[in-house]
């Protein structure tokens, strides 16, 4: 691709190329290579449901069932009206012997596409497997009940154990009961939050139209002197301000990752490092466990500090803000490194203590073994001396 192709089409072309590579490898039976190609495409466009569907199919071929299930769930969440996605998810559920869930998922797909032969066949297979599983479980349960009825003593012991458990439950402290109460409240709140309607968010025009520069310019920017510290602020890496929303972040990641991707910058050894910096920043800002809002608050806190510094010492206001924001992230990173260093030092001390105790045990063992050996030797010598003395006394008589 030409370097000046930096608009929406550039990342779409790259995603299409990776998808085509994955499709070809799948047809050839090269499932590992196909998974890698689809993953590369998802790295750029993580909301393309077809990529998750295709990778799910590859993972099922490789018997990586749990990973396939996650891809199937992601595919359905991204495209709830695409019938084929339900087939992918149901196949993964079936492979994990979740036959009832698979049958329900196949039915959902058939509501969207009633004549889909693959979904019909899948539903039939899941229903048969479900029936066979139920029959097997019923037989096992019957055998268990027979064994339980035959062993009256075991049943009595079990009843006694249940009674003891009930007594312990009655002895629960007030703190235990309060813990249960607040746990129920937390679960209720979480359930309400999960069902709350979500407001539609769209990318802002100013970020869609922003000129990001060329591939080489971005590689130089991302790998400048002391970049490991300067890139701690992910908003700075993504060339976004704190008014950016999550959709701005996603769009910007697609464009920047396309610009600096190693496949586009053949011969540029630094491209992979630059791509990793963009991906690291995106992983922080894509709203995992509230990191997006937390990171935004750090930038705001740094700018507030910069305004205070400017009031006290003067100088350029924006420069003061930028420096203080960098300091905020640097302080957090320094604290993290210190904590990690202390943790490693503590582990080292623990290993040294374990080695010292082990050496002491070995020493004590050798000493005791040696001492016991000497004691037995002295005892044997003493017995021989007593025998010799008695023999001499007998001969003297």
Protein backbone atom coordinates (compact mmCIF):
# COMPACT_ATOMS: atom_id res chain seq x y z
CA UNK A 1 0.00 0.00 0.00
CA UNK A 2 1.14 3.51 -0.72
CA UNK A 3 2.23 5.45 2.33
CA UNK A 4 -0.12 8.31 1.66
CA UNK A 5 -3.14 5.96 1.93
CA UNK A 6 -3.93 6.85 5.52
CA UNK A 7 -7.72 7.17 5.45
CA UNK A 8 -10.48 4.73 6.30
CA UNK A 9 -9.70 2.55 3.26
CA UNK A 10 -6.13 1.68 4.33
CA UNK A 11 -7.01 -0.41 7.37
CA UNK A 12 -9.93 -2.01 5.53
CA UNK A 13 -7.60 -3.17 2.76
CA UNK A 14 -5.18 -4.65 5.28
CA UNK A 15 -7.97 -6.45 7.15
CA UNK A 16 -9.27 -7.88 3.87
CA UNK A 17 -5.78 -9.12 2.95
CA UNK A 18 -5.36 -10.88 6.30
CA UNK A 19 -8.83 -12.41 6.05
CA UNK A 20 -8.06 -13.71 2.56
CA UNK A 21 -4.81 -15.23 3.88
CA UNK A 22 -6.75 -16.92 6.68
CA UNK A 23 -9.42 -18.25 4.31
CA UNK A 24 -6.76 -19.76 2.01
CA UNK A 25 -4.94 -21.47 4.90
CA UNK A 26 -8.24 -22.84 6.23
CA UNK A 27 -9.04 -24.40 2.83
CA UNK A 28 -5.57 -26.00 2.80
CA UNK A 29 -6.00 -27.36 6.32
CA UNK A 30 -3.31 -25.08 7.78
CA UNK A 31 -5.44 -24.17 10.78
CA UNK A 32 -2.66 -22.71 12.95
CA UNK A 33 -1.62 -20.34 10.16
CA UNK A 34 -5.27 -19.45 9.54
CA UNK A 35 -5.76 -18.60 13.24
CA UNK A 36 -2.70 -16.34 13.13
CA UNK A 37 -3.95 -14.50 10.02
CA UNK A 38 -7.44 -13.95 11.47
CA UNK A 39 -5.89 -12.77 14.76
CA UNK A 40 -3.76 -10.23 12.88
CA UNK A 41 -6.92 -8.95 11.20
CA UNK A 42 -8.77 -8.75 14.54
CA UNK A 43 -5.84 -6.75 15.97
CA UNK A 44 -6.82 -4.02 13.50
CA UNK A 45 -10.61 -4.49 13.37
CA UNK A 46 -11.84 -6.06 16.61
CA UNK A 47 -15.51 -5.54 15.74
CA UNK A 48 -15.63 -7.63 12.57
CA UNK A 49 -17.94 -10.55 13.43
CA UNK A 50 -16.89 -12.60 10.39
CA UNK A 51 -13.28 -12.71 11.60
CA UNK A 52 -14.37 -14.14 14.95
CA UNK A 53 -16.63 -16.65 13.18
CA UNK A 54 -13.82 -17.85 10.91
CA UNK A 55 -11.30 -18.08 13.77
CA UNK A 56 -13.87 -20.02 15.80
CA UNK A 57 -14.10 -22.60 12.99
CA UNK A 58 -10.29 -22.96 12.94
CA UNK A 59 -10.09 -23.37 16.72
CA UNK A 60 -12.72 -26.10 16.63
CA UNK A 61 -10.59 -27.94 14.06
CA UNK A 62 -7.66 -27.65 16.49
CA UNK A 63 -9.85 -28.86 19.42
CA UNK A 64 -9.25 -25.58 21.28
CA UNK A 65 -12.84 -25.63 22.47
CA UNK A 66 -12.83 -22.92 25.15
CA UNK A 67 -11.18 -20.37 22.84
CA UNK A 68 -13.66 -21.30 20.11
CA UNK A 69 -16.55 -20.71 22.55
CA UNK A 70 -15.27 -17.21 23.35
CA UNK A 71 -15.01 -16.38 19.63
CA UNK A 72 -18.52 -17.73 19.01
CA UNK A 73 -19.95 -15.62 21.84
CA UNK A 74 -18.12 -12.54 20.54
CA UNK A 75 -19.41 -13.13 17.01
CA UNK A 76 -23.04 -13.34 18.19
CA UNK A 77 -22.68 -10.27 20.41
CA UNK A 78 -21.35 -8.24 17.46
CA UNK A 79 -23.93 -9.52 14.94
CA UNK A 80 -27.05 -10.78 16.77
CA UNK A 81 -29.05 -10.91 13.53
CA UNK A 82 -26.53 -13.08 11.60
CA UNK A 83 -27.78 -16.67 11.61
CA UNK A 84 -24.42 -18.27 10.77
CA UNK A 85 -22.89 -16.81 13.95
CA UNK A 86 -25.32 -18.85 16.05
CA UNK A 87 -24.20 -21.96 14.21
CA UNK A 88 -20.58 -21.22 15.12
CA UNK A 89 -21.43 -20.61 18.78
CA UNK A 90 -23.63 -23.73 18.96
CA UNK A 91 -20.83 -25.88 17.46
CA UNK A 92 -18.47 -24.70 20.19
CA UNK A 93 -21.08 -25.38 22.89
CA UNK A 94 -21.70 -28.85 21.45
CA UNK A 95 -17.96 -29.63 21.48
CA UNK A 96 -17.93 -28.84 25.22
CA UNK A 97 -20.90 -31.25 25.74
CA UNK A 98 -23.22 -28.33 26.52
CA UNK A 99 -25.90 -29.94 24.38
CA UNK A 100 -28.93 -28.13 25.84
CA UNK A 101 -27.29 -24.73 25.36
CA UNK A 102 -26.23 -25.71 21.83
CA UNK A 103 -29.79 -26.73 20.94
CA UNK A 104 -31.14 -23.39 22.22
CA UNK A 105 -28.52 -21.52 20.20
CA UNK A 106 -29.36 -23.48 17.02
CA UNK A 107 -33.05 -22.59 17.53
CA UNK A 108 -32.17 -18.89 17.77
CA UNK A 109 -30.30 -19.17 14.48
CA UNK A 110 -33.24 -20.95 12.83
CA UNK A 111 -35.59 -18.13 13.85
CA UNK A 112 -33.44 -15.87 11.67
CA UNK A 113 -32.98 -18.41 8.84
CA UNK A 114 -35.64 -21.18 9.08
CA UNK A 115 -34.40 -23.07 6.01
CA UNK A 116 -30.72 -23.22 6.98
CA UNK A 117 -29.75 -26.88 6.50
CA UNK A 118 -26.59 -26.66 8.62
CA UNK A 119 -28.52 -25.22 11.58
CA UNK A 120 -31.21 -27.91 11.24
CA UNK A 121 -28.60 -30.69 11.19
CA UNK A 122 -26.80 -29.15 14.14
CA UNK A 123 -30.03 -28.91 16.15
CA UNK A 124 -30.85 -32.55 15.44
CA UNK A 125 -27.35 -33.69 16.48
CA UNK A 126 -27.50 -31.65 19.70
CA UNK A 127 -30.95 -33.02 20.58
CA UNK A 128 -29.73 -36.61 20.08
CA UNK A 129 -26.60 -35.96 22.14
CA UNK A 130 -28.70 -34.29 24.83
CA UNK A 131 -31.03 -37.32 24.99
CA UNK A 132 -28.09 -39.74 25.15
CA UNK A 133 -26.48 -37.69 27.91
CA UNK A 134 -29.74 -37.57 29.88
CA UNK A 135 -30.14 -41.35 29.56
CA UNK A 136 -26.58 -41.92 30.70
CA UNK A 137 -26.99 -39.57 33.65
CA UNK A 138 -30.27 -41.27 34.62
CA UNK A 139 -28.59 -44.68 34.60
CA UNK A 140 -25.72 -43.37 36.70
CA UNK A 141 -28.16 -41.78 39.13
CA UNK A 142 -30.16 -45.00 39.46
CA UNK A 143 -26.99 -46.98 40.20
CA UNK A 144 -25.99 -44.40 42.76
CA UNK A 145 -29.38 -44.60 44.49
CA UNK A 146 -29.18 -48.41 44.65
CA UNK A 147 -25.73 -48.27 46.21
CA UNK A 148 -26.88 -45.63 48.65
CA UNK A 149 -29.94 -47.64 49.71
CA UNK A 150 -27.78 -50.73 50.26
CA UNK A 151 -25.40 -48.91 52.57
CA UNK A 152 -27.53 -47.85 55.56
CA UNK A 153 -24.52 -47.03 57.67
CA UNK A 154 -23.17 -44.57 55.10
CA UNK A 155 -26.59 -42.93 54.89
CA UNK A 156 -26.70 -42.51 58.68
CA UNK A 157 -23.22 -40.96 58.72
CA UNK A 158 -24.23 -38.60 55.96
CA UNK A 159 -27.34 -37.54 57.89
CA UNK A 160 -25.20 -36.86 60.96
CA UNK A 161 -22.83 -34.76 58.86
CA UNK A 162 -25.77 -32.73 57.52
CA UNK A 163 -26.97 -32.08 61.06
CA UNK A 164 -23.52 -30.82 62.06
CA UNK A 165 -23.48 -28.52 59.04
CA UNK A 166 -26.87 -27.10 60.00
CA UNK A 167 -25.62 -26.47 63.54
CA UNK A 168 -22.67 -24.54 62.14
CA UNK A 169 -25.03 -22.47 60.00
CA UNK A 170 -27.06 -21.61 63.08
CA UNK A 171 -23.85 -20.49 64.82
CA UNK A 172 -23.06 -17.95 62.09
CA UNK A 173 -21.91 -14.61 63.49
CA UNK A 174 -23.60 -11.31 62.78
CA UNK A 175 -20.65 -10.37 60.56
CA UNK A 176 -21.19 -13.51 58.46
CA UNK A 177 -24.87 -12.66 57.98
CA UNK A 178 -24.04 -9.08 57.05
CA UNK A 179 -21.50 -10.38 54.52
CA UNK A 180 -24.19 -12.52 52.90
CA UNK A 181 -26.59 -9.56 52.88
CA UNK A 182 -24.17 -7.18 51.19
CA UNK A 183 -23.17 -9.90 48.73
CA UNK A 184 -26.80 -10.22 47.65
CA UNK A 185 -27.06 -6.43 47.27
CA UNK A 186 -23.90 -6.35 45.11
CA UNK A 187 -25.29 -9.11 42.88
CA UNK A 188 -28.58 -7.21 42.46
CA UNK A 189 -26.79 -3.96 41.56
CA UNK A 190 -24.60 -5.76 39.03
CA UNK A 191 -27.66 -7.36 37.42
CA UNK A 192 -29.40 -3.98 37.12
CA UNK A 193 -26.31 -2.41 35.56
CA UNK A 194 -26.01 -5.19 33.00
CA UNK A 195 -29.63 -4.67 31.85
CA UNK A 196 -29.44 -0.85 31.71
CA UNK A 197 -29.86 0.57 28.16
CA UNK A 198 -26.61 1.72 26.56
CA UNK A 199 -26.33 5.12 24.91
CA UNK A 200 -25.13 5.01 21.30
CA UNK A 201 -21.67 6.54 20.89
CA UNK A 202 -20.22 7.64 17.53
CA UNK A 203 -16.75 8.82 16.49
CA UNK A 204 -16.32 12.62 16.46
CA UNK A 205 -15.74 14.38 13.14
CA UNK A 206 -12.65 16.24 14.34
CA UNK A 207 -10.84 12.97 15.03
CA UNK A 208 -12.11 11.31 11.86
CA UNK A 209 -10.69 14.19 9.76
CA UNK A 210 -7.43 14.66 11.71
CA UNK A 211 -4.26 14.27 9.63
CA UNK A 212 -2.10 11.63 11.31
CA UNK A 213 0.98 12.02 9.12
CA UNK A 214 2.97 9.33 7.34
CA UNK A 215 4.12 5.90 8.50
CA UNK A 216 7.74 7.00 8.98
CA UNK A 217 6.68 10.11 10.91
CA UNK A 218 4.60 8.02 13.30
CA UNK A 219 7.33 5.42 13.79
CA UNK A 220 9.78 8.23 14.64
CA UNK A 221 7.23 9.78 17.02
CA UNK A 222 6.44 6.54 18.81
CA UNK A 223 10.11 5.51 19.19
CA UNK A 224 11.67 8.89 20.03
CA UNK A 225 14.27 9.26 22.78
CA UNK A 226 12.92 8.04 26.15
CA UNK A 227 9.76 6.77 24.42
CA UNK A 228 9.20 4.16 27.14
CA UNK A 229 8.41 7.02 29.55
CA UNK A 230 6.79 9.43 27.09
CA UNK A 231 4.42 6.73 25.84
CA UNK A 232 3.09 5.96 29.32
CA UNK A 233 0.21 8.34 28.51
CA UNK A 234 -1.91 6.32 26.02
CA UNK A 235 -3.84 9.43 24.91
CA UNK A 236 -0.52 10.88 23.76
CA UNK A 237 0.32 7.69 21.86
CA UNK A 238 -3.07 7.70 20.12
CA UNK A 239 -2.91 11.47 19.38
CA UNK A 240 -6.22 12.01 21.19
CA UNK A 241 -7.42 14.51 23.81
CA UNK A 242 -9.43 13.62 26.93
CA UNK A 243 -12.69 14.58 25.19
CA UNK A 244 -12.30 11.50 22.99
CA UNK A 245 -14.89 8.73 23.41
CA UNK A 246 -14.42 4.98 23.12
CA UNK A 247 -15.42 4.95 19.43
CA UNK A 248 -12.77 7.62 18.72
CA UNK A 249 -10.24 5.32 20.37
CA UNK A 250 -11.28 2.33 18.24
CA UNK A 251 -11.18 4.28 14.97
CA UNK A 252 -7.83 5.85 15.83
CA UNK A 253 -6.35 2.45 16.69
CA UNK A 254 -7.37 1.06 13.32
CA UNK A 255 -5.78 3.94 11.44
CA UNK A 256 -2.55 4.14 13.48
CA UNK A 257 -2.03 0.37 13.60
CA UNK A 258 -2.42 0.28 9.82
CA UNK A 259 0.13 3.09 9.38
CA UNK A 260 2.86 1.44 11.47
CA UNK A 261 2.04 -2.23 10.89
CA UNK A 262 5.14 -4.31 9.97
CA UNK A 263 3.35 -5.71 6.90
CA UNK A 264 3.06 -2.19 5.48
CA UNK A 265 6.59 -1.13 6.41
CA UNK A 266 8.67 -3.93 4.92
CA UNK A 267 12.36 -3.41 5.71
CA UNK A 268 11.66 -1.03 8.60
CA UNK A 269 12.90 -2.98 11.63
CA UNK A 270 11.35 -0.50 14.08
CA UNK A 271 7.81 -0.99 12.75
CA UNK A 272 7.02 -3.90 15.09
CA UNK A 273 8.08 -1.90 18.17
CA UNK A 274 5.97 1.06 17.03
CA UNK A 275 2.98 -1.23 16.41
CA UNK A 276 3.41 -2.73 19.90
CA UNK A 277 3.32 0.78 21.44
CA UNK A 278 0.03 1.55 19.66
CA UNK A 279 -1.47 -1.79 20.67
CA UNK A 280 -0.40 -1.33 24.32
CA UNK A 281 -2.07 2.11 24.43
CA UNK A 282 -5.24 0.72 22.84
CA UNK A 283 -5.44 -2.14 25.35
CA UNK A 284 -5.41 0.44 28.16
CA UNK A 285 -8.07 2.69 26.62
CA UNK A 286 -10.56 0.16 25.28
CA UNK A 287 -12.49 0.43 28.57
CA UNK A 288 -11.33 -2.78 30.22
CA UNK A 289 -12.41 -2.58 33.90
CA UNK A 290 -12.85 1.20 33.72
CA UNK A 291 -9.27 1.91 32.64
CA UNK A 292 -10.46 4.44 30.05
CA UNK A 293 -12.02 6.79 32.61
CA UNK A 294 -9.24 6.22 35.13
CA UNK A 295 -6.54 7.11 32.59
CA UNK A 296 -8.51 10.19 31.55
CA UNK A 297 -8.62 11.30 35.21
CA UNK A 298 -4.81 11.03 35.42
CA UNK A 299 -4.42 13.39 32.45
CA UNK A 300 -6.87 15.86 33.99
CA UNK A 301 -5.03 15.69 37.34
CA UNK A 302 -1.70 16.37 35.61
CA UNK A 303 -3.08 19.37 33.75
CA UNK A 304 -4.47 20.79 37.00
CA UNK A 305 -1.02 20.46 38.55
CA UNK A 306 0.44 22.17 35.48
CA UNK A 307 -1.86 25.15 35.98
CA UNK A 308 -0.65 25.48 39.58
CA UNK A 309 2.99 25.32 38.47
CA UNK A 310 2.29 27.98 35.83
CA UNK A 311 0.77 30.30 38.45
CA UNK A 312 3.86 29.95 40.64
CA UNK A 313 6.66 30.10 38.09
CA UNK A 314 5.16 31.42 34.87
CA UNK A 315 6.33 30.08 31.52
CA UNK A 316 4.22 28.55 28.77
CA UNK A 317 0.94 27.20 30.19
CA UNK A 318 0.55 24.29 27.74
CA UNK A 319 4.17 23.28 28.26
CA UNK A 320 3.64 23.24 32.06
CA UNK A 321 0.53 21.08 31.63
CA UNK A 322 2.30 18.61 29.32
CA UNK A 323 5.24 18.22 31.70
CA UNK A 324 3.04 17.65 34.75
CA UNK A 325 0.92 15.08 32.91
CA UNK A 326 4.10 13.22 32.01
CA UNK A 327 5.20 13.39 35.65
CA UNK A 328 1.92 11.88 36.85
CA UNK A 329 2.33 8.83 34.61
CA UNK A 330 6.05 8.62 35.42
CA UNK A 331 5.34 8.63 39.17
CA UNK A 332 2.83 5.81 38.81
CA UNK A 333 5.23 3.77 36.67
CA UNK A 334 8.09 4.41 39.10
CA UNK A 335 5.89 3.23 41.95
CA UNK A 336 4.92 0.11 40.00
CA UNK A 337 8.56 -0.70 39.25
CA UNK A 338 9.52 -0.16 42.89
CA UNK A 339 6.74 -2.48 44.05
CA UNK A 340 7.83 -5.09 41.51
CA UNK A 341 11.45 -4.74 42.66
CA UNK A 342 10.43 -5.14 46.30
CA UNK A 343 8.36 -8.17 45.39
CA UNK A 344 11.32 -9.79 43.60
CA UNK A 345 13.62 -8.95 46.53
CA UNK A 346 11.15 -10.55 48.96
CA UNK A 347 11.00 -13.69 46.82
CA UNK A 348 14.80 -13.77 46.71
CA UNK A 349 14.98 -13.52 50.51
CA UNK A 350 12.42 -16.29 50.86
CA UNK A 351 14.42 -18.53 48.51
CA UNK A 352 17.61 -17.77 50.46
CA UNK A 353 15.89 -18.69 53.73
CA UNK A 354 14.56 -21.90 52.21
CA UNK A 355 18.04 -22.77 50.90
CA UNK A 356 19.54 -22.02 54.33
CA UNK A 357 16.98 -24.20 56.10
CA UNK A 358 17.51 -26.97 53.56
CA UNK A 359 21.28 -26.80 54.04
CA UNK A 360 20.82 -26.92 57.83
CA UNK A 361 18.58 -29.96 57.59
CA UNK A 362 21.15 -31.75 55.39
CA UNK A 363 23.92 -30.86 57.83
CA UNK A 364 21.92 -32.09 60.83
CA UNK A 365 21.04 -35.27 58.99
CA UNK A 366 24.69 -36.02 58.14
CA UNK A 367 25.80 -35.17 61.67
CA UNK A 368 23.19 -37.42 63.27
CA UNK A 369 23.97 -40.24 60.89
CA UNK A 370 27.69 -39.91 61.59
CA UNK A 371 27.13 -39.70 65.35
CA UNK A 372 24.89 -42.73 65.37
CA UNK A 373 27.53 -44.61 63.40
CA UNK A 374 30.27 -43.69 65.87
CA UNK A 375 28.03 -44.61 68.81
CA UNK A 376 27.39 -48.07 67.34
CA UNK A 377 31.11 -48.47 66.70
CA UNK A 378 31.98 -47.57 70.30
CA UNK A 379 29.32 -49.97 71.53
CA UNK A 380 30.73 -52.80 69.40
CA UNK A 381 34.27 -52.05 70.64
CA UNK A 382 33.03 -51.97 74.27
CA UNK A 383 31.25 -55.28 73.84
CA UNK A 384 34.43 -56.85 72.40
CA UNK A 385 36.51 -55.52 75.29
CA UNK A 386 34.07 -56.94 77.85
CA UNK A 387 34.11 -60.29 76.09
CA UNK A 388 37.93 -60.34 75.98
CA UNK A 389 38.23 -59.43 79.66
CA UNK A 390 35.80 -62.16 80.68
CA UNK A 391 37.72 -64.66 78.54
CA UNK A 392 41.02 -63.72 80.19
CA UNK A 393 39.53 -64.00 83.68
CA UNK A 394 38.18 -67.47 82.87
CA UNK A 395 41.55 -68.67 81.57
CA UNK A 396 43.35 -67.26 84.65
CA UNK A 397 41.18 -69.40 86.87
